[in-house]
Amino acid sequence: MQGKVLVTDGEYRHTLALIRAISGDYEVHVGSEGHRACCFYSRFVSGRMLYSLKSPESFASSINKYIRNAKIDTLIPVGDTCCFFASLLNDKIDALVPVADIESMCIVRNKVEMHDRARKVGFNVPKIMDTPDCFPVVLRPVSGRGNLRFVNNKEEFEEAKKFFVSKKIPFFITEYIDGEENYSFAGLFKEGKLKVFFMYREIREYPLTGGSATYAVSTYDAEIKNRCQKLLEDLKWHGVVMKFTEY
């Protein structure tokens, strides 16, 4: 008998790829915060549901209601917020949730902390600065995706700083590194042990200043793989990791 899996973030295209990949072995259900999620229209989906991301508690409550009604065995969170909420309230979700514990999750969500850990295992990371001593520089959110600001002078820096302050987004400043090659690592860990991995080189990205790959080729670099493995094993990581990048 097929196990039943509930996958979150049905609005993402990579969630659709995940659904297609596992649909032959599991009965797949999908959830989203909005009604127009692209995965809701997939022929590989057996059930659909809406959840709330207003708070961790509202997420767990809406997820659990569906889990009990549909008799879901496993919850697979995909996006950053769902992974964080699922890790935070793992013991309160009525299904198996293959994610890292909340201590490790908080560490990897903190880019300043991960900069330091990446440097210690041998990665070249951009220098963090309190104030720019030269330009260009990059303003980055401490956690979460997006909101990068590339600034080329003092005026642009002040504008970018106003943006983060107005949105109440904690940020930090790093030097800008003009990289030519982008190598990425993705892996699956079980209780701190690497089980399977994949590496690729990003040929094109969107946006051009740095983002998701629009064209990539598979590759292998033992040094990068070993650094990533060491970094994640030290965290006793559990579950999927998206990527770490070396320029």
Foldseek 3Di string as FASTA:
>chain_A
DAAEEEEEDLQDPVSLVVLVVCLVRHAYEYEYQDDVRPNVPDPSHDYYAHFDLPDLVRRQVRQQVVCVVVVHAEYEYDDLSSLQSCQVPVVSHPHHYFFFHNVLSVQVQFVVNVQVLLVVLPADDFDWDPDDPADFKWKAFRGDDDLIQTDGDDVSVVVSVVVCVVVVTHITMTHDDDDDKKKKKKFAAAQLHTDDIWIKIAPQAPPRSDDDGPDIGTDDDPSVVVSVSVSRSVSSTTGIDGIDIGD
